[in-house]
Amino acid sequence: MYKVAVEYNENAKYPDYGEADYYIKELVKNSFADLELDKENYGTESWNPLGKFIKPGNLVVIKPNLVMHKNYRKGFQDDTDCVFTNPSVVRAVLDYVIIALEGKGKITIGDAPVQECNFNELIKKSGYEQLVKDYQQTGIDIVLKDFRGVISRSDHGVLHQSEKPSAKHIIVKLDNLSEFSDCSKDKLKKIRITNYNPDELIKHHNFGTHEYCIAEDILKADCIINMPKPKTHKKAGITACLKNLVGINCRKEYLPHHTTGSLSDGGDEYNKKSKIKELRTKNHDKFCICVYNKKYFRARFYQAVILVQDFIINHFYSDRTSFGSWSGNNTISKTTIDLNRIALYADKNGIIKETPQRAFFNIADMIVSGEHNGPMAPESRPVGMILAGENSFATDLVIARLMRAKIDKIPTFNSYFSGNNSLLIFNSDEDITLISNDSKWNGISYKQINESNSFSFKSPDDWEECFEQ
């Protein structure tokens, strides 16, 4: 049986850095107690709830969801509580990590946000930078890392990319264990990630080869504490524990996000066949190739053509879907499952084994969540929850129901249930039980979450049929 802790306080809010964060600490503490971690010592000074996962001398990686330094929602640039995991939640967890390490070992807080993210601005204004400094001053061996191997600066929509040599990584080959292993050669030629050279992506995902570029810290870790910021998501429906692991990959050109073309053409970029969308996709490929080769003047030409095509689509077509931002996207779900298998089954050298290679635990920050067009332009949705669980898939099923997502309509769940299950990340035969401080959720199955005990999140555009309104 899978257990998921659901701690709720409608008055909970994030403190300003340095202020008391009683609500956050209590919710985190109680979520550990709900799961009966170190039950025998609960209430004593020797209570060590994370001792089940962390041993003295371990390397522990805390993986928050950092995404972006600002909110892309028009007029709400500074509304970042719904964008990235709040450092007050990380701080509450850190205290228990330190107890488990007993003064021996190392802690890394790290993520690979989107390519345009200004990481320095994010960690400064959010409080992450000060958080790490405070612990370092007490003698704790802790670092904060940007896992990205490539960062970008946008010049009026044209990305200028630069290498980041300090980002150490290991290439992990899934090959026939990948969710993409049953895709045809022709289909693999059509996979894409927006704003990256398609020729580079196809080098890493082709017939017989499926590989990812994983942060070395992730693979060297003895324990990963996964700390997502649950939101609705334009390409995946929802993003929580499973999708948060996209941030363990250092270079985005290893990450398929959608497949070009309409459903009838074998793609999932948009629904119905469209000649102008086909042309836009071809021009966007050429644009990305020009940017990759630093031919910025020629890239401007394709940028102008795409802007004209976008104007026509937005004003004269009812279906305005682009780049897989709709409920028919079945590509990003495969990438998500691949990365979760790697996090569990890849050893310290990136070799896939038959048994899990590290401890794993999830703590989801839903004090303020994000709804509508996440992950880049979400609307804040105060919830007042901390969720915790050992299994990412089970925890995500609970989160999805709390958002009133239809489980059978979310591609990540469907992809796993119908895909290659040689490396299990979830056993569908096991029940999922919620443990909560609130009677609305305590002792129920995730299937019993309904209109009376959920939050009815606003769906992303073109995902309306996948959420109960």
Protein backbone atom coordinates (compact mmCIF):
# COMPACT_ATOMS: atom_id res chain seq x y z
CA MET A 1 0.00 0.00 0.00
CA TYR A 2 1.20 3.48 -0.88
CA LYS A 3 0.68 6.20 1.72
CA VAL A 4 0.50 9.90 0.91
CA ALA A 5 0.49 12.51 3.67
CA VAL A 6 -1.84 15.47 3.09
CA GLU A 7 -1.28 18.20 5.67
CA TYR A 8 -3.67 21.13 5.42
CA ASN A 9 -3.93 24.57 6.96
CA GLU A 10 -5.94 27.16 5.05
CA ASN A 11 -4.11 29.94 6.93
CA ALA A 12 -0.65 28.78 5.92
CA LYS A 13 1.44 31.29 3.97
CA TYR A 14 5.05 31.84 3.07
CA PRO A 15 7.06 33.98 5.50
CA ASP A 16 9.43 36.71 4.42
CA TYR A 17 12.98 35.43 4.76
CA GLY A 18 14.10 35.58 8.38
CA GLU A 19 10.58 35.64 9.77
CA ALA A 20 9.12 32.77 11.78
CA ASP A 21 7.58 30.10 9.57
CA TYR A 22 5.57 28.19 12.13
CA TYR A 23 2.90 26.99 9.69
CA ILE A 24 5.39 25.60 7.18
CA LYS A 25 7.48 23.80 9.78
CA GLU A 26 4.42 22.26 11.40
CA LEU A 27 2.99 21.03 8.11
CA VAL A 28 6.30 19.43 7.10
CA LYS A 29 6.82 17.91 10.53
CA ASN A 30 3.28 16.53 10.64
CA SER A 31 3.55 15.05 7.16
CA PHE A 32 6.52 12.98 8.36
CA ALA A 33 4.54 11.92 11.42
CA ASP A 34 1.56 10.98 9.21
CA LEU A 35 3.81 8.53 7.37
CA GLU A 36 4.98 7.12 10.72
CA LEU A 37 8.63 7.85 9.94
CA ASP A 38 10.73 6.89 12.98
CA LYS A 39 7.47 6.38 14.82
CA GLU A 40 9.20 4.98 17.91
CA ASN A 41 11.06 8.24 18.61
CA TYR A 42 8.37 10.73 17.61
CA GLY A 43 8.05 13.50 20.18
CA THR A 44 11.59 13.04 21.51
CA GLU A 45 14.83 14.86 20.78
CA SER A 46 16.15 11.79 18.97
CA TRP A 47 13.33 11.77 16.39
CA ASN A 48 14.93 11.24 12.97
CA PRO A 49 12.13 10.92 10.39
CA LEU A 50 14.40 10.97 7.34
CA GLY A 51 16.76 8.40 8.83
CA LYS A 52 14.95 5.75 6.79
CA PHE A 53 16.28 7.37 3.61
CA ILE A 54 19.46 9.17 4.69
CA LYS A 55 22.51 7.78 6.49
CA PRO A 56 25.53 9.64 7.92
CA GLY A 57 28.04 10.33 5.16
CA ASN A 58 25.47 10.34 2.34
CA LEU A 59 25.26 12.77 -0.55
CA VAL A 60 21.72 14.17 -0.44
CA VAL A 61 20.28 16.10 -3.38
CA ILE A 62 17.28 18.33 -2.77
CA LYS A 63 15.55 18.92 -6.09
CA PRO A 64 13.18 21.91 -5.96
CA ASN A 65 11.19 23.12 -8.95
CA LEU A 66 12.85 26.42 -9.89
CA VAL A 67 11.61 26.91 -13.49
CA MET A 68 12.00 30.64 -14.00
CA HIS A 69 12.90 33.85 -12.16
CA LYS A 70 9.63 35.53 -13.13
CA ASN A 71 6.04 34.79 -14.09
CA TYR A 72 5.30 35.18 -17.81
CA ARG A 73 1.65 35.94 -17.13
CA LYS A 74 1.03 39.43 -18.47
CA GLY A 75 0.92 41.99 -15.67
CA PHE A 76 1.94 39.45 -13.00
CA GLN A 77 5.70 39.19 -13.50
CA ASP A 78 6.42 39.28 -9.76
CA ASP A 79 3.80 36.65 -8.86
CA THR A 80 6.38 33.89 -8.34
CA ASP A 81 4.83 32.11 -5.34
CA CYS A 82 3.08 29.88 -7.88
CA VAL A 83 6.14 29.43 -10.11
CA PHE A 84 8.89 27.87 -8.00
CA THR A 85 9.22 25.85 -4.80
CA ASN A 86 9.38 28.27 -1.89
CA PRO A 87 12.67 28.17 0.08
CA SER A 88 10.78 28.21 3.40
CA VAL A 89 9.57 24.67 2.61
CA VAL A 90 13.10 23.61 1.64
CA ARG A 91 14.42 25.08 4.90
CA ALA A 92 11.92 23.06 6.94
CA VAL A 93 13.04 19.86 5.21
CA LEU A 94 16.73 20.74 5.46
CA ASP A 95 16.60 20.68 9.25
CA TYR A 96 15.59 17.00 9.16
CA VAL A 97 18.18 16.17 6.48
CA ILE A 98 20.86 17.60 8.77
CA ILE A 99 19.61 15.51 11.68
CA ALA A 100 19.84 12.36 9.55
CA LEU A 101 23.38 13.12 8.34
CA GLU A 102 24.67 13.55 11.92
CA GLY A 103 27.33 16.03 10.82
CA LYS A 104 28.71 13.80 8.05
CA GLY A 105 27.91 14.01 4.36
CA LYS A 106 26.99 16.64 1.81
CA ILE A 107 23.82 18.41 0.66
CA THR A 108 23.24 19.78 -2.84
CA ILE A 109 20.23 21.89 -3.75
CA GLY A 110 19.97 21.89 -7.52
CA ASP A 111 17.78 22.14 -10.60
CA ALA A 112 17.99 22.82 -14.32
CA PRO A 113 15.43 25.59 -14.93
CA VAL A 114 14.37 26.69 -18.42
CA GLN A 115 17.12 27.97 -20.65
CA GLU A 116 16.23 31.68 -20.35
CA CYS A 117 16.03 31.67 -16.55
CA ASN A 118 18.25 34.23 -14.82
CA PHE A 119 19.43 31.88 -12.09
CA ASN A 120 21.27 34.54 -10.09
CA GLU A 121 18.21 36.77 -10.02
CA LEU A 122 16.00 33.84 -9.00
CA ILE A 123 18.12 32.72 -6.05
CA LYS A 124 18.64 36.27 -4.82
CA LYS A 125 15.05 37.50 -4.85
CA SER A 126 13.58 34.18 -3.69
CA GLY A 127 15.89 33.75 -0.70
CA TYR A 128 17.63 30.55 -1.86
CA GLU A 129 21.04 32.22 -1.92
CA GLN A 130 20.68 33.51 1.65
CA LEU A 131 19.26 30.20 2.79
CA VAL A 132 22.37 28.31 1.69
CA LYS A 133 24.71 30.95 3.12
CA ASP A 134 23.01 30.70 6.50
CA TYR A 135 23.56 26.95 6.66
CA GLN A 136 27.12 27.20 5.36
CA GLN A 137 27.93 29.62 8.18
CA THR A 138 26.93 26.95 10.69
CA GLY A 139 29.43 24.51 9.18
CA ILE A 140 26.98 22.50 7.07
CA ASP A 141 28.45 21.16 3.81
CA ILE A 142 25.79 22.49 1.46
CA VAL A 143 25.89 23.97 -2.06
CA LEU A 144 23.36 25.44 -4.48
CA LYS A 145 23.76 24.45 -8.13
CA ASP A 146 22.38 25.35 -11.52
CA PHE A 147 22.46 22.01 -13.36
CA ARG A 148 22.09 23.54 -16.84
CA GLY A 149 24.86 22.88 -19.35
CA VAL A 150 23.55 25.60 -21.70
CA ILE A 151 21.99 28.92 -20.77
CA SER A 152 20.34 31.42 -23.07
CA ARG A 153 19.81 35.15 -23.28
CA SER A 154 16.84 36.36 -25.28
CA ASP A 155 17.46 39.21 -27.71
CA HIS A 156 13.92 40.15 -28.76
CA GLY A 157 12.94 36.51 -29.18
CA VAL A 158 16.23 35.25 -30.59
CA LEU A 159 18.09 33.14 -28.06
CA HIS A 160 21.84 33.55 -27.73
CA GLN A 161 23.08 30.33 -26.20
CA SER A 162 26.28 29.85 -24.23
CA GLU A 163 27.92 26.75 -22.80
CA LYS A 164 28.30 26.33 -19.04
CA PRO A 165 31.35 24.06 -18.57
CA SER A 166 30.92 23.86 -14.79
CA ALA A 167 27.76 21.75 -15.21
CA LYS A 168 29.08 18.22 -14.82
CA HIS A 169 26.94 15.52 -16.36
CA ILE A 170 26.83 11.85 -17.33
CA ILE A 171 25.10 10.49 -20.44
CA VAL A 172 22.63 7.76 -19.45
CA LYS A 173 21.48 5.33 -22.13
CA LEU A 174 18.03 3.83 -21.77
CA ASP A 175 17.83 2.57 -25.36
CA ASN A 176 15.31 -0.30 -25.49
CA LEU A 177 14.12 0.52 -21.95
CA SER A 178 12.95 3.96 -23.08
CA GLU A 179 9.29 4.80 -23.62
CA PHE A 180 10.38 5.88 -27.12
CA SER A 181 11.81 2.46 -27.98
CA ASP A 182 8.64 1.39 -29.82
CA CYS A 183 8.52 4.53 -32.00
CA SER A 184 9.22 4.14 -35.71
CA LYS A 185 12.22 5.75 -37.44
CA ASP A 186 9.91 8.22 -39.19
CA LYS A 187 8.21 9.24 -35.96
CA LEU A 188 11.53 9.73 -34.16
CA LYS A 189 12.58 12.16 -36.89
CA LYS A 190 9.59 14.32 -35.95
CA ILE A 191 10.22 14.71 -32.21
CA ARG A 192 11.05 18.24 -31.09
CA ILE A 193 11.78 20.53 -28.18
CA THR A 194 10.79 24.15 -28.77
CA ASN A 195 13.66 26.56 -29.46
CA TYR A 196 16.33 23.87 -29.92
CA ASN A 197 18.02 22.54 -33.04
CA PRO A 198 15.99 19.47 -34.12
CA ASP A 199 19.10 17.83 -35.58
CA GLU A 200 20.69 17.77 -32.12
CA LEU A 201 17.64 16.16 -30.49
CA ILE A 202 17.52 13.41 -33.10
CA LYS A 203 21.16 12.52 -32.36
CA HIS A 204 20.08 11.42 -28.88
CA HIS A 205 16.75 9.82 -29.78
CA ASN A 206 16.84 7.66 -32.89
CA PHE A 207 16.18 4.07 -33.81
CA GLY A 208 18.05 2.03 -31.16
CA THR A 209 19.41 4.96 -29.14
CA HIS A 210 17.64 6.87 -26.39
CA GLU A 211 19.83 8.80 -24.00
CA TYR A 212 19.68 11.67 -21.52
CA CYS A 213 22.22 14.12 -20.11
CA ILE A 214 21.91 13.75 -16.33
CA ALA A 215 23.47 15.97 -13.67
CA GLU A 216 26.36 14.17 -12.03
CA ASP A 217 25.12 15.16 -8.57
CA ILE A 218 21.86 13.31 -9.21
CA LEU A 219 23.60 10.07 -10.11
CA LYS A 220 26.13 10.32 -7.28
CA ALA A 221 23.34 10.95 -4.78
CA ASP A 222 22.48 8.37 -2.13
CA CYS A 223 19.13 10.06 -1.58
CA ILE A 224 17.02 12.45 -3.65
CA ILE A 225 14.47 14.65 -1.92
CA ASN A 226 12.10 15.68 -4.71
CA MET A 227 10.32 18.97 -3.94
CA PRO A 228 7.97 20.02 -6.74
CA LYS A 229 5.70 23.03 -7.04
CA PRO A 230 2.48 21.40 -8.35
CA LYS A 231 0.85 23.34 -11.16
CA THR A 232 -1.32 22.78 -14.18
CA HIS A 233 0.85 22.52 -17.28
CA LYS A 234 0.17 23.43 -20.93
CA LYS A 235 2.07 20.46 -22.38
CA ALA A 236 1.52 17.79 -19.70
CA GLY A 237 -1.79 18.71 -18.03
CA ILE A 238 -0.20 18.76 -14.60
CA THR A 239 3.33 19.01 -13.28
CA ALA A 240 4.24 17.66 -9.85
CA CYS A 241 6.61 14.95 -8.58
CA LEU A 242 7.07 13.03 -11.84
CA LYS A 243 7.44 16.04 -14.16
CA ASN A 244 9.79 17.79 -11.70
CA LEU A 245 12.51 15.35 -12.73
CA VAL A 246 12.84 17.03 -16.12
CA GLY A 247 15.14 19.30 -14.11
CA ILE A 248 17.72 16.54 -13.53
CA ASN A 249 18.65 16.71 -17.23
CA CYS A 250 21.44 19.23 -17.97
CA ARG A 251 20.93 19.90 -21.66
CA LYS A 252 17.48 20.45 -23.11
CA GLU A 253 18.36 19.04 -26.55
CA TYR A 254 18.03 15.59 -24.97
CA LEU A 255 14.37 16.15 -24.01
CA PRO A 256 11.59 15.37 -26.52
CA HIS A 257 8.61 17.65 -25.79
CA HIS A 258 6.27 17.10 -28.74
CA THR A 259 6.05 15.41 -32.14
CA THR A 260 5.50 17.59 -35.20
CA GLY A 261 2.30 17.38 -37.19
CA SER A 262 -1.36 16.68 -36.51
CA LEU A 263 -2.80 13.54 -34.92
CA SER A 264 -3.77 12.18 -38.33
CA ASP A 265 -0.16 12.66 -39.48
CA GLY A 266 1.18 10.70 -36.52
CA GLY A 267 2.17 13.82 -34.59
CA ASP A 268 0.84 15.48 -31.46
CA GLU A 269 1.77 19.12 -32.03
CA TYR A 270 -1.86 20.02 -32.79
CA ASN A 271 -5.15 18.27 -33.53
CA LYS A 272 -6.35 18.84 -37.09
CA LYS A 273 -4.28 18.94 -40.27
CA SER A 274 -3.21 22.46 -41.16
CA LYS A 275 -1.01 23.56 -44.04
CA ILE A 276 -0.07 26.85 -42.44
CA LYS A 277 0.91 25.10 -39.20
CA GLU A 278 3.05 22.67 -41.18
CA LEU A 279 4.81 25.63 -42.78
CA ARG A 280 5.24 27.35 -39.43
CA THR A 281 6.85 24.21 -37.99
CA LYS A 282 9.30 24.01 -40.91
CA ASN A 283 10.19 27.68 -40.50
CA HIS A 284 10.62 27.24 -36.77
CA ASP A 285 13.04 24.35 -37.40
CA LYS A 286 15.05 26.58 -39.73
CA PHE A 287 14.95 29.38 -37.15
CA CYS A 288 16.33 27.06 -34.44
CA ILE A 289 19.08 25.76 -36.73
CA CYS A 290 20.14 29.34 -37.50
CA VAL A 291 20.25 30.23 -33.82
CA TYR A 292 22.27 27.08 -33.05
CA ASN A 293 24.80 28.04 -35.75
CA LYS A 294 24.81 31.66 -34.51
CA LYS A 295 23.44 32.96 -37.82
CA TYR A 296 21.31 35.54 -36.04
CA PHE A 297 20.59 37.81 -39.04
CA ARG A 298 19.11 34.90 -40.99
CA ALA A 299 17.23 33.81 -37.84
CA ARG A 300 15.52 37.22 -37.83
CA PHE A 301 14.12 36.50 -41.29
CA TYR A 302 12.49 33.26 -40.15
CA GLN A 303 11.31 34.96 -36.98
CA ALA A 304 9.45 37.55 -39.07
CA VAL A 305 7.85 34.86 -41.24
CA ILE A 306 6.70 32.95 -38.16
CA LEU A 307 5.20 36.12 -36.65
CA VAL A 308 3.09 36.61 -39.79
CA GLN A 309 1.99 32.97 -39.73
CA ASP A 310 1.11 33.23 -36.03
CA PHE A 311 -0.99 36.33 -36.75
CA ILE A 312 -2.95 34.46 -39.42
CA ILE A 313 -3.48 31.42 -37.19
CA ASN A 314 -4.54 33.48 -34.18
CA HIS A 315 -7.02 35.60 -36.14
CA PHE A 316 -8.48 33.20 -38.70
CA TYR A 317 -8.29 29.73 -37.18
CA SER A 318 -10.28 28.30 -34.27
CA ASP A 319 -7.53 25.79 -33.39
CA ARG A 320 -4.57 27.91 -32.29
CA THR A 321 -2.62 25.10 -30.65
CA SER A 322 1.12 25.08 -31.21
CA PHE A 323 4.22 23.16 -30.07
CA GLY A 324 2.24 20.43 -28.34
CA SER A 325 0.52 22.72 -25.84
CA TRP A 326 -2.72 20.73 -25.66
CA SER A 327 -4.22 17.54 -24.26
CA GLY A 328 -3.19 15.43 -27.25
CA ASN A 329 0.53 15.72 -26.44
CA ASN A 330 1.79 12.18 -25.80
CA THR A 331 5.51 12.95 -26.16
CA ILE A 332 6.46 14.85 -23.00
CA SER A 333 4.86 12.08 -20.93
CA LYS A 334 7.32 9.53 -22.36
CA THR A 335 10.25 11.82 -21.52
CA THR A 336 8.94 12.25 -17.97
CA ILE A 337 8.69 8.50 -17.36
CA ASP A 338 12.16 7.91 -18.83
CA LEU A 339 13.69 10.42 -16.42
CA ASN A 340 11.94 8.88 -13.43
CA ARG A 341 13.33 5.47 -14.35
CA ILE A 342 16.81 6.96 -14.59
CA ALA A 343 16.51 8.67 -11.19
CA LEU A 344 15.63 5.34 -9.58
CA TYR A 345 17.57 2.73 -11.56
CA ALA A 346 20.75 4.40 -12.93
CA ASP A 347 23.83 3.77 -10.76
CA LYS A 348 26.49 6.34 -9.93
CA ASN A 349 28.09 5.81 -13.35
CA GLY A 350 24.82 6.10 -15.24
CA ILE A 351 24.41 2.38 -15.90
CA ILE A 352 20.83 1.10 -15.65
CA LYS A 353 20.39 -1.65 -13.06
CA GLU A 354 17.50 -3.97 -12.28
CA THR A 355 16.97 -2.64 -8.74
CA PRO A 356 16.60 0.92 -7.35
CA GLN A 357 19.97 2.56 -6.74
CA ARG A 358 19.10 5.33 -4.29
CA ALA A 359 16.54 6.37 -1.74
CA PHE A 360 13.80 8.70 -2.95
CA PHE A 361 11.25 10.85 -1.16
CA ASN A 362 8.75 13.50 -2.30
CA ILE A 363 7.57 16.65 -0.55
CA ALA A 364 5.24 18.82 -2.61
CA ASP A 365 4.80 22.54 -1.93
CA MET A 366 1.12 23.37 -2.40
CA ILE A 367 0.96 26.22 0.10
CA VAL A 368 0.40 28.24 -3.05
CA SER A 369 -0.05 26.23 -6.22
CA GLY A 370 -0.43 27.29 -9.84
CA GLU A 371 -3.41 26.96 -12.15
CA HIS A 372 -4.31 27.74 -15.77
CA ASN A 373 -1.35 28.23 -18.11
CA GLY A 374 1.58 26.88 -16.13
CA PRO A 375 4.42 26.29 -15.86
CA MET A 376 5.58 29.65 -17.20
CA ALA A 377 2.47 31.81 -16.80
CA PRO A 378 0.38 30.30 -14.00
CA GLU A 379 -2.20 32.02 -11.83
CA SER A 380 -1.68 31.72 -8.08
CA ARG A 381 -3.99 29.29 -6.31
CA PRO A 382 -3.64 29.35 -2.50
CA VAL A 383 -4.20 25.83 -1.19
CA GLY A 384 -2.37 25.58 2.15
CA MET A 385 -1.07 22.03 1.71
CA ILE A 386 2.12 20.05 2.05
CA LEU A 387 2.01 16.56 0.56
CA ALA A 388 4.60 13.86 1.19
CA GLY A 389 5.11 10.32 -0.04
CA GLU A 390 7.76 7.80 -1.01
CA ASN A 391 6.31 7.06 -4.44
CA SER A 392 6.18 9.87 -7.01
CA PHE A 393 3.47 8.30 -9.15
CA ALA A 394 1.16 7.67 -6.19
CA THR A 395 1.70 11.20 -4.86
CA ASP A 396 0.95 12.64 -8.30
CA LEU A 397 -2.32 10.70 -8.54
CA VAL A 398 -3.40 12.36 -5.29
CA ILE A 399 -2.31 15.80 -6.50
CA ALA A 400 -4.10 15.32 -9.82
CA ARG A 401 -7.36 14.47 -8.08
CA LEU A 402 -7.00 17.44 -5.73
CA MET A 403 -6.78 19.59 -8.87
CA ARG A 404 -9.85 17.71 -10.24
CA ALA A 405 -7.89 16.34 -13.18
CA LYS A 406 -9.38 13.27 -14.85
CA ILE A 407 -6.79 10.55 -14.30
CA ASP A 408 -7.66 8.72 -17.53
CA LYS A 409 -7.15 11.95 -19.50
CA ILE A 410 -3.64 12.82 -18.25
CA PRO A 411 -1.08 11.45 -20.75
CA THR A 412 1.70 10.78 -18.23
CA PHE A 413 -0.48 8.33 -16.31
CA ASN A 414 -1.81 6.70 -19.47
CA SER A 415 1.64 6.47 -21.03
CA TYR A 416 2.99 4.56 -18.04
CA PHE A 417 0.03 2.20 -17.76
CA SER A 418 0.21 1.32 -21.46
CA GLY A 419 3.98 1.51 -21.92
CA ASN A 420 7.17 -0.39 -21.18
CA ASN A 421 6.94 -1.52 -17.56
CA SER A 422 10.17 -3.48 -17.29
CA LEU A 423 11.46 -0.98 -14.72
CA LEU A 424 8.59 -0.27 -12.34
CA ILE A 425 8.07 3.20 -10.94
CA PHE A 426 4.58 2.34 -9.68
CA ASN A 427 2.66 -0.83 -8.97
CA SER A 428 -0.95 -0.36 -10.05
CA ASP A 429 -2.03 -3.32 -7.92
CA GLU A 430 -1.23 -1.39 -4.74
CA ASP A 431 -3.83 0.82 -3.04
CA ILE A 432 -3.14 4.49 -2.30
CA THR A 433 -4.29 5.77 1.08
CA LEU A 434 -4.24 9.38 2.25
CA ILE A 435 -3.19 10.27 5.80
CA SER A 436 -4.24 13.76 6.86
CA ASN A 437 -4.81 16.11 9.76
CA ASP A 438 -8.18 16.93 8.16
CA SER A 439 -11.08 14.47 8.19
CA LYS A 440 -11.95 15.34 4.57
CA TRP A 441 -8.89 13.42 3.42
CA ASN A 442 -7.80 11.21 6.30
CA GLY A 443 -8.03 7.49 5.59
CA ILE A 444 -9.56 7.76 2.13
CA SER A 445 -8.34 6.49 -1.24
CA TYR A 446 -7.29 9.01 -3.88
CA LYS A 447 -10.30 7.77 -5.88
CA GLN A 448 -12.56 9.22 -3.16
CA ILE A 449 -11.38 12.76 -3.79
CA ASN A 450 -14.36 14.52 -5.35
CA GLU A 451 -16.03 17.91 -5.68
CA SER A 452 -16.49 18.18 -1.90
CA ASN A 453 -12.84 17.75 -0.93
CA SER A 454 -10.87 19.11 -3.90
CA PHE A 455 -9.96 22.51 -5.31
CA SER A 456 -11.18 22.43 -8.94
CA PHE A 457 -8.17 24.01 -10.60
CA LYS A 458 -8.61 26.07 -13.74
CA SER A 459 -7.35 23.91 -16.60
CA PRO A 460 -4.70 25.03 -19.08
CA ASP A 461 -6.03 26.26 -22.42
CA ASP A 462 -6.96 23.32 -24.66
CA TRP A 463 -7.10 20.96 -21.65
CA GLU A 464 -10.66 21.73 -20.57
CA GLU A 465 -11.97 18.21 -21.28
CA CYS A 466 -9.30 16.74 -18.96
CA PHE A 467 -10.45 18.56 -15.81
CA GLU A 468 -13.76 18.38 -13.97
CA GLN A 469 -14.98 21.95 -13.94
